């Protein structure tokens, strides 16, 4: 068998193996886009609340404005309580976040 005849089946095998990888990468991109949309919508809802807390903190006597910015920078994220339990992040129940969560779970469990 000549080297050209041996490369033909090898090339077909590489193409067939690459297709599932491309589908996998495409689905991963879709999941990432859903998660980005969720984070964008969450941030839009959290931003005014965070700014209100920062403003309230700055009004307190003796508070450094930089301290207030840093302290409230993660407002709305999930936090661990003193008992070790987790307080869920704010606005995780938005429809885009629920869809992103379901898509991520499906992708991780089944790869699709």
PDB file of N, CA and C in Angstrom:
ATOM      1  N   UNK A   1       0.849  -1.167   0.000  1.00  0.00           N
ATOM      2  CA  UNK A   1       0.000   0.000   0.000  1.00  0.00           C
ATOM      3  C   UNK A   1       0.900   1.236   0.000  1.00  0.00           C
ATOM      4  N   UNK A   2       0.591   2.219  -0.833  1.00  0.00           N
ATOM      5  CA  UNK A   2       1.411   3.423  -0.908  1.00  0.00           C
ATOM      6  C   UNK A   2       1.057   4.340   0.258  1.00  0.00           C
ATOM      7  N   UNK A   3       1.941   5.287   0.501  1.00  0.00           N
ATOM      8  CA  UNK A   3       1.727   6.185   1.633  1.00  0.00           C
ATOM      9  C   UNK A   3       0.484   7.052   1.431  1.00  0.00           C
ATOM     10  N   UNK A   4       0.136   7.417   0.202  1.00  0.00           N
ATOM     11  CA  UNK A   4      -1.056   8.221  -0.069  1.00  0.00           C
ATOM     12  C   UNK A   4      -2.322   7.441   0.280  1.00  0.00           C
ATOM     13  N   UNK A   5      -2.317   6.124  -0.014  1.00  0.00           N
ATOM     14  CA  UNK A   5      -3.498   5.308   0.305  1.00  0.00           C
ATOM     15  C   UNK A   5      -3.656   5.133   1.809  1.00  0.00           C
ATOM     16  N   UNK A   6      -2.546   5.137   2.545  1.00  0.00           N
ATOM     17  CA  UNK A   6      -2.629   4.991   3.995  1.00  0.00           C
ATOM     18  C   UNK A   6      -3.112   6.284   4.661  1.00  0.00           C
ATOM     19  N   UNK A   7      -2.795   7.424   4.089  1.00  0.00           N
ATOM     20  CA  UNK A   7      -3.185   8.698   4.682  1.00  0.00           C
ATOM     21  C   UNK A   7      -4.679   8.986   4.508  1.00  0.00           C
ATOM     22  N   UNK A   8      -5.303   8.438   3.500  1.00  0.00           N
ATOM     23  CA  UNK A   8      -6.719   8.686   3.253  1.00  0.00           C
ATOM     24  C   UNK A   8      -7.589   8.294   4.434  1.00  0.00           C
ATOM     25  N   UNK A   9      -7.545   7.044   4.877  1.00  0.00           N
ATOM     26  CA  UNK A   9      -8.360   6.645   6.033  1.00  0.00           C
ATOM     27  C   UNK A   9      -7.968   7.399   7.307  1.00  0.00           C
ATOM     28  N   UNK A  10      -6.693   7.711   7.422  1.00  0.00           N
ATOM     29  CA  UNK A  10      -6.229   8.454   8.593  1.00  0.00           C
ATOM     30  C   UNK A  10      -6.839   9.859   8.616  1.00  0.00           C
ATOM     31  N   UNK A  11      -6.900  10.487   7.448  1.00  0.00           N
ATOM     32  CA  UNK A  11      -7.480  11.830   7.350  1.00  0.00           C
ATOM     33  C   UNK A  11      -8.968  11.786   7.683  1.00  0.00           C
ATOM     34  N   UNK A  12      -9.677  10.784   7.204  1.00  0.00           N
ATOM     35  CA  UNK A  12     -11.107  10.641   7.490  1.00  0.00           C
ATOM     36  C   UNK A  12     -11.319  10.454   8.991  1.00  0.00           C
ATOM     37  N   UNK A  13     -10.458   9.666   9.623  1.00  0.00           N
ATOM     38  CA  UNK A  13     -10.573   9.420  11.060  1.00  0.00           C
ATOM     39  C   UNK A  13     -10.392  10.736  11.842  1.00  0.00           C
ATOM     40  N   UNK A  14      -9.414  11.559  11.462  1.00  0.00           N
ATOM     41  CA  UNK A  14      -9.191  12.829  12.154  1.00  0.00           C
ATOM     42  C   UNK A  14     -10.374  13.777  11.989  1.00  0.00           C
ATOM     43  N   UNK A  15     -10.960  13.803  10.805  1.00  0.00           N
ATOM     44  CA  UNK A  15     -12.123  14.657  10.562  1.00  0.00           C
ATOM     45  C   UNK A  15     -13.292  14.200  11.427  1.00  0.00           C
ATOM     46  N   UNK A  16     -13.536  12.906  11.488  1.00  0.00           N
ATOM     47  CA  UNK A  16     -14.641  12.382  12.283  1.00  0.00           C
ATOM     48  C   UNK A  16     -14.434  12.603  13.771  1.00  0.00           C
ATOM     49  N   UNK A  17     -13.195  12.555  14.209  1.00  0.00           N
ATOM     50  CA  UNK A  17     -12.912  12.808  15.616  1.00  0.00           C
ATOM     51  C   UNK A  17     -13.015  14.290  15.961  1.00  0.00           C
ATOM     52  N   UNK A  18     -12.790  15.157  14.997  1.00  0.00           N
ATOM     53  CA  UNK A  18     -12.831  16.595  15.242  1.00  0.00           C
ATOM     54  C   UNK A  18     -14.263  17.124  15.352  1.00  0.00           C
ATOM     55  N   UNK A  19     -15.216  16.487  14.707  1.00  0.00           N
ATOM     56  CA  UNK A  19     -16.599  16.975  14.708  1.00  0.00           C
ATOM     57  C   UNK A  19     -17.180  17.012  16.125  1.00  0.00           C
ATOM     58  N   UNK A  20     -17.085  15.943  16.929  1.00  0.00           N
ATOM     59  CA  UNK A  20     -17.624  16.048  18.290  1.00  0.00           C
ATOM     60  C   UNK A  20     -16.930  17.135  19.099  1.00  0.00           C
ATOM     61  N   UNK A  21     -15.636  17.339  18.878  1.00  0.00           N
ATOM     62  CA  UNK A  21     -14.921  18.407  19.573  1.00  0.00           C
ATOM     63  C   UNK A  21     -15.459  19.766  19.206  1.00  0.00           C
ATOM     64  N   UNK A  22     -15.797  19.950  17.940  1.00  0.00           N
ATOM     65  CA  UNK A  22     -16.355  21.228  17.501  1.00  0.00           C
ATOM     66  C   UNK A  22     -17.733  21.451  18.101  1.00  0.00           C
ATOM     67  N   UNK A  23     -18.544  20.405  18.160  1.00  0.00           N
ATOM     68  CA  UNK A  23     -19.875  20.511  18.759  1.00  0.00           C
ATOM     69  C   UNK A  23     -19.738  20.810  20.248  1.00  0.00           C
ATOM     70  N   UNK A  24     -18.803  20.160  20.915  1.00  0.00           N
ATOM     71  CA  UNK A  24     -18.544  20.371  22.337  1.00  0.00           C
ATOM     72  C   UNK A  24     -18.144  21.822  22.582  1.00  0.00           C
ATOM     73  N   UNK A  25     -17.236  22.351  21.765  1.00  0.00           N
ATOM     74  CA  UNK A  25     -16.776  23.726  21.918  1.00  0.00           C
ATOM     75  C   UNK A  25     -17.916  24.706  21.650  1.00  0.00           C
ATOM     76  N   UNK A  26     -18.758  24.390  20.667  1.00  0.00           N
ATOM     77  CA  UNK A  26     -19.893  25.253  20.343  1.00  0.00           C
ATOM     78  C   UNK A  26     -20.868  25.309  21.517  1.00  0.00           C
ATOM     79  N   UNK A  27     -21.162  24.172  22.112  1.00  0.00           N
ATOM     80  CA  UNK A  27     -22.092  24.124  23.246  1.00  0.00           C
ATOM     81  C   UNK A  27     -21.493  24.852  24.450  1.00  0.00           C
ATOM     82  N   UNK A  28     -20.192  24.702  24.655  1.00  0.00           N
ATOM     83  CA  UNK A  28     -19.533  25.405  25.756  1.00  0.00           C
ATOM     84  C   UNK A  28     -19.654  26.918  25.559  1.00  0.00           C
ATOM     85  N   UNK A  29     -19.544  27.364  24.329  1.00  0.00           N
ATOM     86  CA  UNK A  29     -19.701  28.784  24.024  1.00  0.00           C
ATOM     87  C   UNK A  29     -21.116  29.273  24.289  1.00  0.00           C
ATOM     88  N   UNK A  30     -22.092  28.440  23.951  1.00  0.00           N
ATOM     89  CA  UNK A  30     -23.490  28.798  24.212  1.00  0.00           C
ATOM     90  C   UNK A  30     -23.759  28.929  25.706  1.00  0.00           C
ATOM     91  N   UNK A  31     -23.218  27.989  26.478  1.00  0.00           N
ATOM     92  CA  UNK A  31     -23.398  28.027  27.931  1.00  0.00           C
ATOM     93  C   UNK A  31     -22.726  29.274  28.499  1.00  0.00           C
ATOM     94  N   UNK A  32     -21.531  29.568  28.036  1.00  0.00           N
ATOM     95  CA  UNK A  32     -20.814  30.762  28.513  1.00  0.00           C
ATOM     96  C   UNK A  32     -21.589  32.035  28.164  1.00  0.00           C
ATOM     97  N   UNK A  33     -22.209  32.077  26.993  1.00  0.00           N
ATOM     98  CA  UNK A  33     -23.001  33.247  26.598  1.00  0.00           C
ATOM     99  C   UNK A  33     -24.233  33.399  27.503  1.00  0.00           C
ATOM    100  N   UNK A  34     -24.879  32.294  27.834  1.00  0.00           N
ATOM    101  CA  UNK A  34     -26.026  32.350  28.749  1.00  0.00           C
ATOM    102  C   UNK A  34     -25.594  32.855  30.126  1.00  0.00           C
ATOM    103  N   UNK A  35     -24.450  32.380  30.602  1.00  0.00           N
ATOM    104  CA  UNK A  35     -23.953  32.816  31.904  1.00  0.00           C
ATOM    105  C   UNK A  35     -23.583  34.304  31.887  1.00  0.00           C
ATOM    106  N   UNK A  36     -23.007  34.765  30.794  1.00  0.00           N
ATOM    107  CA  UNK A  36     -22.651  36.187  30.675  1.00  0.00           C
ATOM    108  C   UNK A  36     -23.907  37.051  30.674  1.00  0.00           C
ATOM    109  N   UNK A  37     -24.943  36.604  29.988  1.00  0.00           N
ATOM    110  CA  UNK A  37     -26.208  37.345  29.970  1.00  0.00           C
ATOM    111  C   UNK A  37     -26.797  37.414  31.376  1.00  0.00           C
ATOM    112  N   UNK A  38     -26.753  36.304  32.083  1.00  0.00           N
ATOM    113  CA  UNK A  38     -27.250  36.264  33.459  1.00  0.00           C
ATOM    114  C   UNK A  38     -26.490  37.271  34.321  1.00  0.00           C
ATOM    115  N   UNK A  39     -25.174  37.246  34.248  1.00  0.00           N
ATOM    116  CA  UNK A  39     -24.367  38.154  35.068  1.00  0.00           C
ATOM    117  C   UNK A  39     -24.638  39.611  34.712  1.00  0.00           C
ATOM    118  N   UNK A  40     -24.838  39.878  33.450  1.00  0.00           N
ATOM    119  CA  UNK A  40     -25.137  41.237  33.008  1.00  0.00           C
ATOM    120  C   UNK A  40     -26.470  41.716  33.586  1.00  0.00           C
ATOM    121  N   UNK A  41     -27.479  40.874  33.530  1.00  0.00           N
ATOM    122  CA  UNK A  41     -28.797  41.234  34.065  1.00  0.00           C
ATOM    123  C   UNK A  41     -28.764  41.358  35.586  1.00  0.00           C
ATOM    124  N   UNK A  42     -28.025  40.469  36.243  1.00  0.00           N
ATOM    125  CA  UNK A  42     -27.881  40.561  37.703  1.00  0.00           C
ATOM    126  C   UNK A  42     -27.203  41.873  38.088  1.00  0.00           C
ATOM    127  N   UNK A  43     -26.124  42.195  37.393  1.00  0.00           N
ATOM    128  CA  UNK A  43     -25.381  43.414  37.706  1.00  0.00           C
ATOM    129  C   UNK A  43     -26.257  44.649  37.527  1.00  0.00           C
ATOM    130  N   UNK A  44     -27.086  44.655  36.500  1.00  0.00           N
ATOM    131  CA  UNK A  44     -27.979  45.797  36.272  1.00  0.00           C
ATOM    132  C   UNK A  44     -28.945  45.985  37.437  1.00  0.00           C
ATOM    133  N   UNK A  45     -29.383  44.905  38.051  1.00  0.00           N
ATOM    134  CA  UNK A  45     -30.302  44.999  39.182  1.00  0.00           C
ATOM    135  C   UNK A  45     -29.574  45.294  40.494  1.00  0.00           C
ATOM    136  N   UNK A  46     -28.348  44.798  40.635  1.00  0.00           N
ATOM    137  CA  UNK A  46     -27.598  44.958  41.879  1.00  0.00           C
ATOM    138  C   UNK A  46     -26.935  46.332  41.964  1.00  0.00           C
ATOM    139  N   UNK A  47     -26.492  46.876  40.841  1.00  0.00           N
ATOM    140  CA  UNK A  47     -25.729  48.129  40.843  1.00  0.00           C
ATOM    141  C   UNK A  47     -26.404  49.251  41.638  1.00  0.00           C
ATOM    142  N   UNK A  48     -27.702  49.546  41.416  1.00  0.00           N
ATOM    143  CA  UNK A  48     -28.310  50.632  42.197  1.00  0.00           C
ATOM    144  C   UNK A  48     -28.339  50.336  43.699  1.00  0.00           C
ATOM    145  N   UNK A  49     -28.559  49.087  44.052  1.00  0.00           N
ATOM    146  CA  UNK A  49     -28.574  48.712  45.466  1.00  0.00           C
ATOM    147  C   UNK A  49     -27.190  48.877  46.084  1.00  0.00           C
ATOM    148  N   UNK A  50     -26.160  48.459  45.349  1.00  0.00           N
ATOM    149  CA  UNK A  50     -24.788  48.583  45.820  1.00  0.00           C
ATOM    150  C   UNK A  50     -24.414  50.055  45.994  1.00  0.00           C
ATOM    151  N   UNK A  51     -24.764  50.881  45.009  1.00  0.00           N
ATOM    152  CA  UNK A  51     -24.450  52.306  45.081  1.00  0.00           C
ATOM    153  C   UNK A  51     -25.162  52.973  46.249  1.00  0.00           C
ATOM    154  N   UNK A  52     -26.363  52.526  46.556  1.00  0.00           N
ATOM    155  CA  UNK A  52     -27.105  53.059  47.694  1.00  0.00           C
ATOM    156  C   UNK A  52     -26.381  52.709  49.007  1.00  0.00           C
ATOM    157  N   UNK A  53     -25.901  51.478  49.117  1.00  0.00           N
ATOM    158  CA  UNK A  53     -25.169  51.066  50.332  1.00  0.00           C
ATOM    159  C   UNK A  53     -23.854  51.830  50.466  1.00  0.00           C
ATOM    160  N   UNK A  54     -23.175  52.053  49.355  1.00  0.00           N
ATOM    161  CA  UNK A  54     -21.916  52.805  49.382  1.00  0.00           C
ATOM    162  C   UNK A  54     -22.188  54.241  49.816  1.00  0.00           C
ATOM    163  N   UNK A  55     -23.253  54.851  49.289  1.00  0.00           N
ATOM    164  CA  UNK A  55     -23.607  56.219  49.666  1.00  0.00           C
ATOM    165  C   UNK A  55     -23.949  56.299  51.151  1.00  0.00           C
ATOM    166  N   UNK A  56     -24.677  55.317  51.654  1.00  0.00           N
ATOM    167  CA  UNK A  56     -25.047  55.286  53.072  1.00  0.00           C
ATOM    168  C   UNK A  56     -23.789  55.160  53.936  1.00  0.00           C
ATOM    169  N   UNK A  57     -22.865  54.320  53.494  1.00  0.00           N
ATOM    170  CA  UNK A  57     -21.612  54.117  54.223  1.00  0.00           C
ATOM    171  C   UNK A  57     -20.789  55.401  54.255  1.00  0.00           C
ATOM    172  N   UNK A  58     -20.722  56.112  53.144  1.00  0.00           N
ATOM    173  CA  UNK A  58     -19.933  57.355  53.068  1.00  0.00           C
ATOM    174  C   UNK A  58     -20.490  58.442  53.977  1.00  0.00           C
ATOM    175  N   UNK A  59     -21.798  58.426  54.222  1.00  0.00           N
ATOM    176  CA  UNK A  59     -22.421  59.435  55.077  1.00  0.00           C
ATOM    177  C   UNK A  59     -22.082  59.232  56.547  1.00  0.00           C
ATOM    178  N   UNK A  60     -21.718  57.994  56.906  1.00  0.00           N
ATOM    179  CA  UNK A  60     -21.362  57.718  58.301  1.00  0.00           C
ATOM    180  C   UNK A  60     -20.070  58.447  58.639  1.00  0.00           C
ATOM    181  N   UNK A  61     -20.062  59.039  59.798  1.00  0.00           N
ATOM    182  CA  UNK A  61     -18.914  59.837  60.212  1.00  0.00           C
ATOM    183  C   UNK A  61     -17.665  58.956  60.389  1.00  0.00           C
ATOM    184  N   UNK A  62     -16.564  59.433  59.859  1.00  0.00           N
ATOM    185  CA  UNK A  62     -15.291  58.744  60.029  1.00  0.00           C
ATOM    186  C   UNK A  62     -15.044  57.619  59.035  1.00  0.00           C
ATOM    187  N   UNK A  63     -15.960  57.388  58.120  1.00  0.00           N
ATOM    188  CA  UNK A  63     -15.767  56.310  57.140  1.00  0.00           C
ATOM    189  C   UNK A  63     -14.966  56.814  55.947  1.00  0.00           C
ATOM    190  N   UNK A  64     -13.953  56.080  55.595  1.00  0.00           N
ATOM    191  CA  UNK A  64     -13.140  56.389  54.426  1.00  0.00           C
ATOM    192  C   UNK A  64     -13.910  55.969  53.172  1.00  0.00           C
ATOM    193  N   UNK A  65     -14.047  56.843  52.173  1.00  0.00           N
ATOM    194  CA  UNK A  65     -14.777  56.483  50.948  1.00  0.00           C
ATOM    195  C   UNK A  65     -14.208  55.242  50.250  1.00  0.00           C
ATOM    196  N   UNK A  66     -12.895  55.082  50.279  1.00  0.00           N
ATOM    197  CA  UNK A  66     -12.289  53.899  49.655  1.00  0.00           C
ATOM    198  C   UNK A  66     -12.679  52.627  50.398  1.00  0.00           C
ATOM    199  N   UNK A  67     -12.775  52.739  51.725  1.00  0.00           N
ATOM    200  CA  UNK A  67     -13.215  51.596  52.521  1.00  0.00           C
ATOM    201  C   UNK A  67     -14.622  51.190  52.109  1.00  0.00           C
ATOM    202  N   UNK A  68     -15.505  52.179  51.971  1.00  0.00           N
ATOM    203  CA  UNK A  68     -16.894  51.896  51.607  1.00  0.00           C
ATOM    204  C   UNK A  68     -16.972  51.212  50.246  1.00  0.00           C
ATOM    205  N   UNK A  69     -16.205  51.715  49.291  1.00  0.00           N
ATOM    206  CA  UNK A  69     -16.177  51.105  47.949  1.00  0.00           C
ATOM    207  C   UNK A  69     -15.743  49.645  48.031  1.00  0.00           C
ATOM    208  N   UNK A  70     -14.663  49.400  48.751  1.00  0.00           N
ATOM    209  CA  UNK A  70     -14.118  48.042  48.840  1.00  0.00           C
ATOM    210  C   UNK A  70     -15.062  47.116  49.611  1.00  0.00           C
ATOM    211  N   UNK A  71     -15.596  47.604  50.729  1.00  0.00           N
ATOM    212  CA  UNK A  71     -16.456  46.781  51.565  1.00  0.00           C
ATOM    213  C   UNK A  71     -17.702  46.329  50.819  1.00  0.00           C
ATOM    214  N   UNK A  72     -18.310  47.221  50.050  1.00  0.00           N
ATOM    215  CA  UNK A  72     -19.563  46.919  49.360  1.00  0.00           C
ATOM    216  C   UNK A  72     -19.359  46.438  47.930  1.00  0.00           C
ATOM    217  N   UNK A  73     -18.121  46.233  47.492  1.00  0.00           N
ATOM    218  CA  UNK A  73     -17.854  45.855  46.093  1.00  0.00           C
ATOM    219  C   UNK A  73     -18.452  44.504  45.707  1.00  0.00           C
ATOM    220  N   UNK A  74     -18.588  43.603  46.663  1.00  0.00           N
ATOM    221  CA  UNK A  74     -19.133  42.276  46.343  1.00  0.00           C
ATOM    222  C   UNK A  74     -20.590  42.122  46.787  1.00  0.00           C
ATOM    223  N   UNK A  75     -21.261  43.227  46.998  1.00  0.00           N
ATOM    224  CA  UNK A  75     -22.665  43.204  47.417  1.00  0.00           C
ATOM    225  C   UNK A  75     -23.497  42.422  46.400  1.00  0.00           C
ATOM    226  N   UNK A  76     -24.275  41.496  46.878  1.00  0.00           N
ATOM    227  CA  UNK A  76     -25.138  40.701  46.017  1.00  0.00           C
ATOM    228  C   UNK A  76     -24.593  39.323  45.706  1.00  0.00           C
ATOM    229  N   UNK A  77     -23.312  39.089  45.997  1.00  0.00           N
ATOM    230  CA  UNK A  77     -22.724  37.771  45.746  1.00  0.00           C
ATOM    231  C   UNK A  77     -23.078  36.817  46.880  1.00  0.00           C
ATOM    232  N   UNK A  78     -22.894  35.540  46.646  1.00  0.00           N
ATOM    233  CA  UNK A  78     -23.122  34.545  47.691  1.00  0.00           C
ATOM    234  C   UNK A  78     -22.067  34.732  48.776  1.00  0.00           C
ATOM    235  N   UNK A  79     -22.475  34.578  50.034  1.00  0.00           N
ATOM    236  CA  UNK A  79     -21.539  34.703  51.159  1.00  0.00           C
ATOM    237  C   UNK A  79     -21.765  33.563  52.143  1.00  0.00           C
ATOM    238  N   UNK A  80     -20.691  33.227  52.830  1.00  0.00           N
ATOM    239  CA  UNK A  80     -20.757  32.198  53.858  1.00  0.00           C
ATOM    240  C   UNK A  80     -21.105  32.876  55.188  1.00  0.00           C
ATOM    241  N   UNK A  81     -22.075  32.313  55.899  1.00  0.00           N
ATOM    242  CA  UNK A  81     -22.465  32.859  57.199  1.00  0.00           C
ATOM    243  C   UNK A  81     -21.525  32.342  58.279  1.00  0.00           C
ATOM    244  N   UNK A  82     -21.655  32.853  59.475  1.00  0.00           N
ATOM    245  CA  UNK A  82     -20.781  32.426  60.571  1.00  0.00           C
ATOM    246  C   UNK A  82     -21.006  30.957  60.930  1.00  0.00           C
ATOM    247  N   UNK A  83     -22.183  30.420  60.614  1.00  0.00           N
ATOM    248  CA  UNK A  83     -22.451  29.010  60.905  1.00  0.00           C
ATOM    249  C   UNK A  83     -21.934  28.080  59.800  1.00  0.00           C
ATOM    250  N   UNK A  84     -21.421  28.668  58.725  1.00  0.00           N
ATOM    251  CA  UNK A  84     -20.888  27.865  57.632  1.00  0.00           C
ATOM    252  C   UNK A  84     -21.859  27.667  56.486  1.00  0.00           C
ATOM    253  N   UNK A  85     -23.088  28.078  56.670  1.00  0.00           N
ATOM    254  CA  UNK A  85     -24.079  27.958  55.598  1.00  0.00           C
ATOM    255  C   UNK A  85     -23.818  29.048  54.554  1.00  0.00           C
ATOM    256  N   UNK A  86     -24.398  28.877  53.396  1.00  0.00           N
ATOM    257  CA  UNK A  86     -24.244  29.870  52.337  1.00  0.00           C
ATOM    258  C   UNK A  86     -25.529  30.673  52.175  1.00  0.00           C
ATOM    259  N   UNK A  87     -25.366  31.983  52.056  1.00  0.00           N
ATOM    260  CA  UNK A  87     -26.473  32.848  51.689  1.00  0.00           C
ATOM    261  C   UNK A  87     -26.423  32.964  50.174  1.00  0.00           C
ATOM    262  N   UNK A  88     -27.482  32.629  49.483  1.00  0.00           N
ATOM    263  CA  UNK A  88     -27.423  32.629  48.013  1.00  0.00           C
ATOM    264  C   UNK A  88     -27.216  34.034  47.448  1.00  0.00           C
ATOM    265  N   UNK A  89     -26.683  34.076  46.253  1.00  0.00           N
ATOM    266  CA  UNK A  89     -26.465  35.359  45.599  1.00  0.00           C
ATOM    267  C   UNK A  89     -27.805  35.967  45.213  1.00  0.00           C
ATOM    268  N   UNK A  90     -27.834  37.263  45.129  1.00  0.00           N
ATOM    269  CA  UNK A  90     -29.066  37.968  44.799  1.00  0.00           C
ATOM    270  C   UNK A  90     -29.400  37.814  43.321  1.00  0.00           C
ATOM    271  N   UNK A  91     -30.658  37.753  43.021  1.00  0.00           N
ATOM    272  CA  UNK A  91     -31.201  37.706  41.666  1.00  0.00           C
ATOM    273  C   UNK A  91     -30.749  36.473  40.871  1.00  0.00           C
ATOM    274  N   UNK A  92     -30.450  35.393  41.555  1.00  0.00           N
ATOM    275  CA  UNK A  92     -30.118  34.146  40.874  1.00  0.00           C
ATOM    276  C   UNK A  92     -31.372  33.505  40.283  1.00  0.00           C
ATOM    277  N   UNK A  93     -32.536  34.040  40.625  1.00  0.00           N
ATOM    278  CA  UNK A  93     -33.798  33.491  40.137  1.00  0.00           C
ATOM    279  C   UNK A  93     -34.302  34.183  38.867  1.00  0.00           C
ATOM    280  N   UNK A  94     -33.498  35.067  38.292  1.00  0.00           N
ATOM    281  CA  UNK A  94     -33.883  35.680  37.012  1.00  0.00           C
ATOM    282  C   UNK A  94     -34.003  34.588  35.952  1.00  0.00           C
ATOM    283  N   UNK A  95     -34.929  34.706  35.023  1.00  0.00           N
ATOM    284  CA  UNK A  95     -35.099  33.672  34.000  1.00  0.00           C
ATOM    285  C   UNK A  95     -33.802  33.349  33.243  1.00  0.00           C
ATOM    286  N   UNK A  96     -32.993  34.350  32.933  1.00  0.00           N
ATOM    287  CA  UNK A  96     -31.741  34.094  32.214  1.00  0.00           C
ATOM    288  C   UNK A  96     -30.763  33.317  33.087  1.00  0.00           C
ATOM    289  N   UNK A  97     -30.788  33.548  34.395  1.00  0.00           N
ATOM    290  CA  UNK A  97     -29.894  32.828  35.304  1.00  0.00           C
ATOM    291  C   UNK A  97     -30.341  31.375  35.495  1.00  0.00           C
ATOM    292  N   UNK A  98     -31.642  31.189  35.572  1.00  0.00           N
ATOM    293  CA  UNK A  98     -32.170  29.821  35.687  1.00  0.00           C
ATOM    294  C   UNK A  98     -31.825  29.028  34.427  1.00  0.00           C
ATOM    295  N   UNK A  99     -31.985  29.652  33.260  1.00  0.00           N
ATOM    296  CA  UNK A  99     -31.644  28.985  31.996  1.00  0.00           C
ATOM    297  C   UNK A  99     -30.158  28.685  31.924  1.00  0.00           C
ATOM    298  N   UNK A 100     -29.329  29.613  32.380  1.00  0.00           N
ATOM    299  CA  UNK A 100     -27.876  29.401  32.360  1.00  0.00           C
ATOM    300  C   UNK A 100     -27.491  28.271  33.302  1.00  0.00           C
ATOM    301  N   UNK A 101     -28.120  28.219  34.478  1.00  0.00           N
ATOM    302  CA  UNK A 101     -27.831  27.154  35.431  1.00  0.00           C
ATOM    303  C   UNK A 101     -28.199  25.792  34.857  1.00  0.00           C
ATOM    304  N   UNK A 102     -29.376  25.711  34.258  1.00  0.00           N
ATOM    305  CA  UNK A 102     -29.818  24.442  33.665  1.00  0.00           C
ATOM    306  C   UNK A 102     -28.907  24.026  32.510  1.00  0.00           C
ATOM    307  N   UNK A 103     -28.509  24.983  31.690  1.00  0.00           N
ATOM    308  CA  UNK A 103     -27.625  24.677  30.560  1.00  0.00           C
ATOM    309  C   UNK A 103     -26.265  24.203  31.049  1.00  0.00           C
ATOM    310  N   UNK A 104     -25.719  24.854  32.083  1.00  0.00           N
ATOM    311  CA  UNK A 104     -24.418  24.449  32.630  1.00  0.00           C
ATOM    312  C   UNK A 104     -24.506  23.055  33.223  1.00  0.00           C
ATOM    313  N   UNK A 105     -25.571  22.772  33.970  1.00  0.00           N
ATOM    314  CA  UNK A 105     -25.728  21.459  34.576  1.00  0.00           C
ATOM    315  C   UNK A 105     -25.852  20.370  33.513  1.00  0.00           C
ATOM    316  N   UNK A 106     -26.642  20.618  32.473  1.00  0.00           N
ATOM    317  CA  UNK A 106     -26.799  19.664  31.374  1.00  0.00           C
ATOM    318  C   UNK A 106     -25.468  19.436  30.667  1.00  0.00           C
ATOM    319  N   UNK A 107     -24.754  20.511  30.443  1.00  0.00           N
ATOM    320  CA  UNK A 107     -23.465  20.419  29.753  1.00  0.00           C
ATOM    321  C   UNK A 107     -22.464  19.613  30.570  1.00  0.00           C
ATOM    322  N   UNK A 108     -22.409  19.853  31.865  1.00  0.00           N
ATOM    323  CA  UNK A 108     -21.450  19.143  32.712  1.00  0.00           C
ATOM    324  C   UNK A 108     -21.823  17.678  32.898  1.00  0.00           C
ATOM    325  N   UNK A 109     -23.120  17.398  32.967  1.00  0.00           N
ATOM    326  CA  UNK A 109     -23.543  16.015  33.170  1.00  0.00           C
ATOM    327  C   UNK A 109     -23.465  15.182  31.882  1.00  0.00           C
ATOM    328  N   UNK A 110     -23.875  15.781  30.785  1.00  0.00           N
ATOM    329  CA  UNK A 110     -23.988  15.024  29.526  1.00  0.00           C
ATOM    330  C   UNK A 110     -23.055  15.485  28.422  1.00  0.00           C
ATOM    331  N   UNK A 111     -22.386  16.590  28.629  1.00  0.00           N
ATOM    332  CA  UNK A 111     -21.510  17.113  27.600  1.00  0.00           C
ATOM    333  C   UNK A 111     -22.257  17.721  26.420  1.00  0.00           C
ATOM    334  N   UNK A 112     -23.540  18.038  26.622  1.00  0.00           N
ATOM    335  CA  UNK A 112     -24.308  18.681  25.553  1.00  0.00           C
ATOM    336  C   UNK A 112     -25.164  19.771  26.084  1.00  0.00           C
TER     337      UNK A 112
END
